[in-house]
């Protein structure tokens, strides 16, 4: 089972993904701030959507 092409492909994909992430964002702080900024944007979008719905319900 260890020699199946699917498992080799999955392993290669994981290795390439981890390597690309380390090249783009070598420090953990960079990854944390990127996630934090994305969460902030999602929160702002949700707040805006909720305000729009509340105004239409009035």
PDB file of N, CA and C in Angstrom:
ATOM      1  N   UNK A   1       0.816  -1.192   0.000  1.00  0.00           N
ATOM      2  CA  UNK A   1       0.000   0.000   0.000  1.00  0.00           C
ATOM      3  C   UNK A   1       0.862   1.259   0.000  1.00  0.00           C
ATOM      4  N   UNK A   2       2.059   1.189   0.555  1.00  0.00           N
ATOM      5  CA  UNK A   2       2.928   2.361   0.612  1.00  0.00           C
ATOM      6  C   UNK A   2       3.429   2.773  -0.767  1.00  0.00           C
ATOM      7  N   UNK A   3       3.363   1.874  -1.733  1.00  0.00           N
ATOM      8  CA  UNK A   3       3.891   2.184  -3.048  1.00  0.00           C
ATOM      9  C   UNK A   3       2.800   2.587  -4.033  1.00  0.00           C
ATOM     10  N   UNK A   4       1.608   2.850  -3.547  1.00  0.00           N
ATOM     11  CA  UNK A   4       0.539   3.222  -4.468  1.00  0.00           C
ATOM     12  C   UNK A   4       0.772   4.639  -4.992  1.00  0.00           C
ATOM     13  N   UNK A   5       0.441   4.901  -6.244  1.00  0.00           N
ATOM     14  CA  UNK A   5       0.667   6.228  -6.834  1.00  0.00           C
ATOM     15  C   UNK A   5      -0.107   7.334  -6.119  1.00  0.00           C
ATOM     16  N   UNK A   6      -1.280   7.004  -5.595  1.00  0.00           N
ATOM     17  CA  UNK A   6      -2.068   8.027  -4.902  1.00  0.00           C
ATOM     18  C   UNK A   6      -1.334   8.549  -3.668  1.00  0.00           C
ATOM     19  N   UNK A   7      -0.793   7.639  -2.860  1.00  0.00           N
ATOM     20  CA  UNK A   7      -0.093   8.061  -1.647  1.00  0.00           C
ATOM     21  C   UNK A   7       1.186   8.837  -1.977  1.00  0.00           C
ATOM     22  N   UNK A   8       1.891   8.407  -3.016  1.00  0.00           N
ATOM     23  CA  UNK A   8       3.086   9.144  -3.425  1.00  0.00           C
ATOM     24  C   UNK A   8       2.707  10.555  -3.895  1.00  0.00           C
ATOM     25  N   UNK A   9       1.606  10.657  -4.621  1.00  0.00           N
ATOM     26  CA  UNK A   9       1.154  11.968  -5.086  1.00  0.00           C
ATOM     27  C   UNK A   9       0.736  12.871  -3.944  1.00  0.00           C
ATOM     28  N   UNK A  10       0.035  12.307  -2.966  1.00  0.00           N
ATOM     29  CA  UNK A  10      -0.370  13.089  -1.791  1.00  0.00           C
ATOM     30  C   UNK A  10       0.844  13.581  -1.019  1.00  0.00           C
ATOM     31  N   UNK A  11       1.815  12.706  -0.821  1.00  0.00           N
ATOM     32  CA  UNK A  11       3.028  13.087  -0.099  1.00  0.00           C
ATOM     33  C   UNK A  11       3.772  14.189  -0.835  1.00  0.00           C
ATOM     34  N   UNK A  12       3.878  14.072  -2.152  1.00  0.00           N
ATOM     35  CA  UNK A  12       4.565  15.091  -2.945  1.00  0.00           C
ATOM     36  C   UNK A  12       3.811  16.419  -2.877  1.00  0.00           C
ATOM     37  N   UNK A  13       2.489  16.381  -2.920  1.00  0.00           N
ATOM     38  CA  UNK A  13       1.690  17.602  -2.836  1.00  0.00           C
ATOM     39  C   UNK A  13       1.844  18.296  -1.500  1.00  0.00           C
ATOM     40  N   UNK A  14       1.859  17.525  -0.435  1.00  0.00           N
ATOM     41  CA  UNK A  14       2.056  18.111   0.897  1.00  0.00           C
ATOM     42  C   UNK A  14       3.428  18.744   0.999  1.00  0.00           C
ATOM     43  N   UNK A  15       4.431  18.055   0.510  1.00  0.00           N
ATOM     44  CA  UNK A  15       5.794  18.581   0.556  1.00  0.00           C
ATOM     45  C   UNK A  15       5.912  19.882  -0.229  1.00  0.00           C
ATOM     46  N   UNK A  16       5.333  19.940  -1.413  1.00  0.00           N
ATOM     47  CA  UNK A  16       5.371  21.154  -2.227  1.00  0.00           C
ATOM     48  C   UNK A  16       4.606  22.283  -1.536  1.00  0.00           C
ATOM     49  N   UNK A  17       3.473  21.996  -0.947  1.00  0.00           N
ATOM     50  CA  UNK A  17       2.685  23.018  -0.260  1.00  0.00           C
ATOM     51  C   UNK A  17       3.406  23.599   0.931  1.00  0.00           C
ATOM     52  N   UNK A  18       4.005  22.759   1.740  1.00  0.00           N
ATOM     53  CA  UNK A  18       4.749  23.238   2.908  1.00  0.00           C
ATOM     54  C   UNK A  18       5.948  24.064   2.477  1.00  0.00           C
ATOM     55  N   UNK A  19       6.641  23.611   1.459  1.00  0.00           N
ATOM     56  CA  UNK A  19       7.800  24.355   0.957  1.00  0.00           C
ATOM     57  C   UNK A  19       7.383  25.723   0.428  1.00  0.00           C
ATOM     58  N   UNK A  20       6.297  25.784  -0.316  1.00  0.00           N
ATOM     59  CA  UNK A  20       5.820  27.063  -0.853  1.00  0.00           C
ATOM     60  C   UNK A  20       5.420  28.005   0.274  1.00  0.00           C
ATOM     61  N   UNK A  21       4.782  27.486   1.311  1.00  0.00           N
ATOM     62  CA  UNK A  21       4.385  28.333   2.435  1.00  0.00           C
ATOM     63  C   UNK A  21       5.604  28.890   3.154  1.00  0.00           C
ATOM     64  N   UNK A  22       6.620  28.071   3.327  1.00  0.00           N
ATOM     65  CA  UNK A  22       7.827  28.538   4.005  1.00  0.00           C
ATOM     66  C   UNK A  22       8.568  29.582   3.181  1.00  0.00           C
ATOM     67  N   UNK A  23       8.502  29.475   1.864  1.00  0.00           N
ATOM     68  CA  UNK A  23       9.158  30.460   1.009  1.00  0.00           C
ATOM     69  C   UNK A  23       8.405  31.779   1.060  1.00  0.00           C
ATOM     70  N   UNK A  24       7.080  31.731   1.006  1.00  0.00           N
ATOM     71  CA  UNK A  24       6.273  32.946   0.993  1.00  0.00           C
ATOM     72  C   UNK A  24       6.280  33.619   2.353  1.00  0.00           C
ATOM     73  N   UNK A  25       6.117  32.858   3.416  1.00  0.00           N
ATOM     74  CA  UNK A  25       6.025  33.392   4.780  1.00  0.00           C
ATOM     75  C   UNK A  25       6.973  32.619   5.684  1.00  0.00           C
ATOM     76  N   UNK A  26       8.229  32.989   5.739  1.00  0.00           N
ATOM     77  CA  UNK A  26       9.182  32.185   6.506  1.00  0.00           C
ATOM     78  C   UNK A  26       9.001  32.268   8.016  1.00  0.00           C
ATOM     79  N   UNK A  27       8.396  33.337   8.524  1.00  0.00           N
ATOM     80  CA  UNK A  27       8.244  33.480   9.971  1.00  0.00           C
ATOM     81  C   UNK A  27       6.802  33.189  10.387  1.00  0.00           C
ATOM     82  N   UNK A  28       6.601  32.579  11.556  1.00  0.00           N
ATOM     83  CA  UNK A  28       5.241  32.300  12.013  1.00  0.00           C
ATOM     84  C   UNK A  28       4.409  33.572  12.192  1.00  0.00           C
ATOM     85  N   UNK A  29       5.065  34.689  12.536  1.00  0.00           N
ATOM     86  CA  UNK A  29       4.331  35.938  12.745  1.00  0.00           C
ATOM     87  C   UNK A  29       3.602  36.347  11.463  1.00  0.00           C
ATOM     88  N   UNK A  30       4.231  36.147  10.333  1.00  0.00           N
ATOM     89  CA  UNK A  30       3.629  36.493   9.042  1.00  0.00           C
ATOM     90  C   UNK A  30       2.359  35.686   8.816  1.00  0.00           C
ATOM     91  N   UNK A  31       2.396  34.399   9.114  1.00  0.00           N
ATOM     92  CA  UNK A  31       1.222  33.561   8.933  1.00  0.00           C
ATOM     93  C   UNK A  31       0.111  33.979   9.881  1.00  0.00           C
ATOM     94  N   UNK A  32       0.464  34.320  11.122  1.00  0.00           N
ATOM     95  CA  UNK A  32      -0.542  34.710  12.100  1.00  0.00           C
ATOM     96  C   UNK A  32      -1.209  36.015  11.696  1.00  0.00           C
ATOM     97  N   UNK A  33      -0.429  36.986  11.230  1.00  0.00           N
ATOM     98  CA  UNK A  33      -1.036  38.256  10.858  1.00  0.00           C
ATOM     99  C   UNK A  33      -1.905  38.107   9.618  1.00  0.00           C
ATOM    100  N   UNK A  34      -1.519  37.241   8.699  1.00  0.00           N
ATOM    101  CA  UNK A  34      -2.333  37.029   7.506  1.00  0.00           C
ATOM    102  C   UNK A  34      -3.685  36.428   7.890  1.00  0.00           C
ATOM    103  N   UNK A  35      -3.679  35.490   8.795  1.00  0.00           N
ATOM    104  CA  UNK A  35      -4.928  34.873   9.251  1.00  0.00           C
ATOM    105  C   UNK A  35      -5.751  35.889  10.020  1.00  0.00           C
ATOM    106  N   UNK A  36      -5.109  36.679  10.854  1.00  0.00           N
ATOM    107  CA  UNK A  36      -5.817  37.702  11.620  1.00  0.00           C
ATOM    108  C   UNK A  36      -6.465  38.747  10.722  1.00  0.00           C
ATOM    109  N   UNK A  37      -5.755  39.156   9.691  1.00  0.00           N
ATOM    110  CA  UNK A  37      -6.312  40.139   8.764  1.00  0.00           C
ATOM    111  C   UNK A  37      -7.494  39.556   8.008  1.00  0.00           C
ATOM    112  N   UNK A  38      -7.413  38.303   7.610  1.00  0.00           N
ATOM    113  CA  UNK A  38      -8.522  37.666   6.903  1.00  0.00           C
ATOM    114  C   UNK A  38      -9.743  37.555   7.813  1.00  0.00           C
ATOM    115  N   UNK A  39      -9.527  37.214   9.077  1.00  0.00           N
ATOM    116  CA  UNK A  39     -10.638  37.130  10.020  1.00  0.00           C
ATOM    117  C   UNK A  39     -11.258  38.502  10.263  1.00  0.00           C
ATOM    118  N   UNK A  40     -10.423  39.539  10.327  1.00  0.00           N
ATOM    119  CA  UNK A  40     -10.933  40.897  10.513  1.00  0.00           C
ATOM    120  C   UNK A  40     -11.795  41.315   9.323  1.00  0.00           C
ATOM    121  N   UNK A  41     -11.343  41.010   8.123  1.00  0.00           N
ATOM    122  CA  UNK A  41     -12.125  41.351   6.927  1.00  0.00           C
ATOM    123  C   UNK A  41     -13.465  40.618   6.911  1.00  0.00           C
ATOM    124  N   UNK A  42     -13.443  39.351   7.283  1.00  0.00           N
ATOM    125  CA  UNK A  42     -14.687  38.582   7.316  1.00  0.00           C
ATOM    126  C   UNK A  42     -15.639  39.145   8.363  1.00  0.00           C
ATOM    127  N   UNK A  43     -15.116  39.534   9.511  1.00  0.00           N
ATOM    128  CA  UNK A  43     -15.948  40.129  10.551  1.00  0.00           C
ATOM    129  C   UNK A  43     -16.562  41.437  10.096  1.00  0.00           C
ATOM    130  N   UNK A  44     -15.769  42.267   9.436  1.00  0.00           N
ATOM    131  CA  UNK A  44     -16.278  43.538   8.927  1.00  0.00           C
ATOM    132  C   UNK A  44     -17.360  43.317   7.877  1.00  0.00           C
ATOM    133  N   UNK A  45     -17.160  42.360   6.996  1.00  0.00           N
ATOM    134  CA  UNK A  45     -18.154  42.066   5.969  1.00  0.00           C
ATOM    135  C   UNK A  45     -19.448  41.561   6.601  1.00  0.00           C
ATOM    136  N   UNK A  46     -19.336  40.727   7.620  1.00  0.00           N
ATOM    137  CA  UNK A  46     -20.521  40.211   8.302  1.00  0.00           C
ATOM    138  C   UNK A  46     -21.272  41.341   9.013  1.00  0.00           C
ATOM    139  N   UNK A  47     -20.527  42.244   9.654  1.00  0.00           N
ATOM    140  CA  UNK A  47     -21.166  43.386  10.310  1.00  0.00           C
ATOM    141  C   UNK A  47     -21.920  44.252   9.308  1.00  0.00           C
ATOM    142  N   UNK A  48     -21.307  44.510   8.173  1.00  0.00           N
ATOM    143  CA  UNK A  48     -21.946  45.320   7.138  1.00  0.00           C
ATOM    144  C   UNK A  48     -23.214  44.637   6.618  1.00  0.00           C
ATOM    145  N   UNK A  49     -23.136  43.350   6.408  1.00  0.00           N
ATOM    146  CA  UNK A  49     -24.297  42.600   5.927  1.00  0.00           C
ATOM    147  C   UNK A  49     -25.414  42.614   6.960  1.00  0.00           C
ATOM    148  N   UNK A  50     -25.086  42.456   8.227  1.00  0.00           N
ATOM    149  CA  UNK A  50     -26.106  42.463   9.271  1.00  0.00           C
ATOM    150  C   UNK A  50     -26.774  43.840   9.388  1.00  0.00           C
ATOM    151  N   UNK A  51     -25.997  44.899   9.231  1.00  0.00           N
ATOM    152  CA  UNK A  51     -26.573  46.260   9.265  1.00  0.00           C
ATOM    153  C   UNK A  51     -27.521  46.456   8.092  1.00  0.00           C
ATOM    154  N   UNK A  52     -27.149  45.974   6.919  1.00  0.00           N
ATOM    155  CA  UNK A  52     -28.008  46.114   5.733  1.00  0.00           C
ATOM    156  C   UNK A  52     -29.317  45.349   5.926  1.00  0.00           C
ATOM    157  N   UNK A  53     -29.249  44.172   6.482  1.00  0.00           N
ATOM    158  CA  UNK A  53     -30.460  43.378   6.732  1.00  0.00           C
ATOM    159  C   UNK A  53     -31.336  44.070   7.769  1.00  0.00           C
ATOM    160  N   UNK A  54     -30.735  44.618   8.810  1.00  0.00           N
ATOM    161  CA  UNK A  54     -31.499  45.296   9.859  1.00  0.00           C
ATOM    162  C   UNK A  54     -32.220  46.520   9.298  1.00  0.00           C
ATOM    163  N   UNK A  55     -31.555  47.252   8.400  1.00  0.00           N
ATOM    164  CA  UNK A  55     -32.190  48.431   7.802  1.00  0.00           C
ATOM    165  C   UNK A  55     -33.375  48.047   6.918  1.00  0.00           C
ATOM    166  N   UNK A  56     -33.249  46.919   6.204  1.00  0.00           N
ATOM    167  CA  UNK A  56     -34.351  46.479   5.333  1.00  0.00           C
ATOM    168  C   UNK A  56     -35.528  45.966   6.133  1.00  0.00           C
ATOM    169  N   UNK A  57     -35.276  45.449   7.325  1.00  0.00           N
ATOM    170  CA  UNK A  57     -36.354  44.946   8.150  1.00  0.00           C
ATOM    171  C   UNK A  57     -37.135  46.051   8.847  1.00  0.00           C
ATOM    172  N   UNK A  58     -36.561  47.232   8.952  1.00  0.00           N
ATOM    173  CA  UNK A  58     -37.251  48.339   9.627  1.00  0.00           C
ATOM    174  C   UNK A  58     -38.353  48.918   8.799  1.00  0.00           C
TER     175      UNK A  58
END
